[in-house]
Amino acid sequence: MKRENIKLDSESAKSVKTKLGAILTASDEDISRTIEVDPTGAADVANALELVTQHGKASREWLGQTMASLPVECWTQEGDFFSVKPSSAASLRYFIQGQMQVPEAEDAAAVENRKLLINSLRGKLPSEPAGVTSMFAWIRGPETYSILEDVALVHSINKVEQAFYLTYNLIEQEERRAWNLSSALSVPTPIDLIPNIAEQACIQVYDRLESLTAGLDGDVLEDNLIAQVLCNLAANRVLLESARIGALASEAASVNAKLIGALNSIGTFEIPQIDSDEQIKHGLTLLFGTNGAFASVEGMSRRLSGTDLETTVKVAHVIQDQYIQTRGAYFRHMLPAGKLSPNDTFLFALALAGLFQTRTYVSSEFPNGDSYASFPGRGTPGRSGFLKPHAMELVKSMYGQMTFANEAWELRSDRIVAYARAIDKKRAILQMLLFRVFKRWAAEKLCILHCMLEKRPLLILQDYDDTN
């Protein structure tokens, strides 16, 4: 039974209109139409927002700080590609791991406000169909990343992301065969092909999602603004995280351009064979030690020795292990024993040395927090190896650029810059896919998709693997 329509007063309508526009990434005109169609739902949203303002750990910017909003100005176009520009509050705070020290409650207001907002909205959902409430149940992420809770729909978004990357890899292998390229990871895919492969993967995954949900009515969920808002809250968080990773990747390319450019300037265009941690330390000392090759090179002459050198190698191992469980999961099966080599460890260490030399800072994961040095300073928790998410993702991007832009163990700065630009386009294409599905599909359709993926997580890839 429908509840009686509730009409917002003009002041409340104006306030909720602005916030709804930011959450749904829609124009004023579209939001006015939404409020007119579902005034009761708009009133429920207004009440939930007011609850956070009154009882949450609020500030004037609390909505953005919860990563609940993705204003239209953050959805930008460059050529044929739309992409998400990170808001000032866009962060990887949900990637915090236990070893990184979960912040004190007063520093985690953004996380608590998000939970308060979502719980308030969930209380307004219809009890039927059951899949709607399960879509917004609180769950924890995988042990690898992250330990902070969010709604179950985020897992479905992650499954679509995984489908995109796996489909990309399949198409990439087809392209490599067409170009008669070796299947070895040491031979890079031509950089110019990356955006085209990403577009093909996007089309295939989207068509697969459409085919999975076509003609399946299931239980009927009438157009429901609350459910649509909750779907957008889940999508906004993932898209803003992607945007922050993109910004960190741009910073990584900038540091790499200085670091690899400096190596190229002294005639170094590849790294030697590395077999042990002692060789990693020796190689870094030859570059950054007291009498190293960079001792008199401006911007690269900071001495790396003692506990700083020990920390570099220790942290390199931790990030390498984390990398293979996350970004490396899609090619891990192609590695000997599923592991990266000591040469890879050297590249992670080289990236950290680059951050040490350039004194690169990254923004805090939490609102109003201070920027911090990406290389862990003496006396900081990061010396144990577990960097905070922004620093860790920065190093992972630097490593990825070094490795996949070049052939074998070559290091050429010009290829790294071109590769970083191509990956930006690949990321934008994935963002467009997620935006189109999780922010523009009706909540009923997403409910059907979510329930299917909960039962059969690999269903999106059935066309490629009939055993799942």
Foldseek 3Di string as FASTA:
>chain_A
DDDDADADDPVLLVVLLVLVCFQLQHDSVVSVVVCVVHVRLSVLLSVLVVCCVVPAPDDPCLCVLLLRGQHNVQFDDDPPFTAGAADPNLFQLQQDAVLQPNDDPVQCRSLVSNVSSLVSLLVVDDPPPVLLSQQFDWDADDNLGDGRIGGNVLVVLVLLVVQLVLQLVVVQVVVCVVVVHDPDLLDFRPLVCLLVSLLVSLVLLLVLLCVLLPPDCDIPDPQHVSSLSSLSSSLSSVRNNLNLLLVLLVVLLVLLLVLLVVCVVVPAFFDDDDADLVVLLVVVCLDAACPHPCCPPPLQNHHQDDLNSVLLLQLLVLLQVSCCVPVVVSCLVVDVVSHDHVLLSSLLSSSLSSLVSNQDWDQDNTPPDHIDRLNDDPPRSCSNNDGGPSSSSSSSSNSCLQRNQHRRGTGDSVSSVSNSVSVSSSSSSSSVSSCCPSSPDGSSSSSSSSVVCVVPVCSSVCVPPVVD
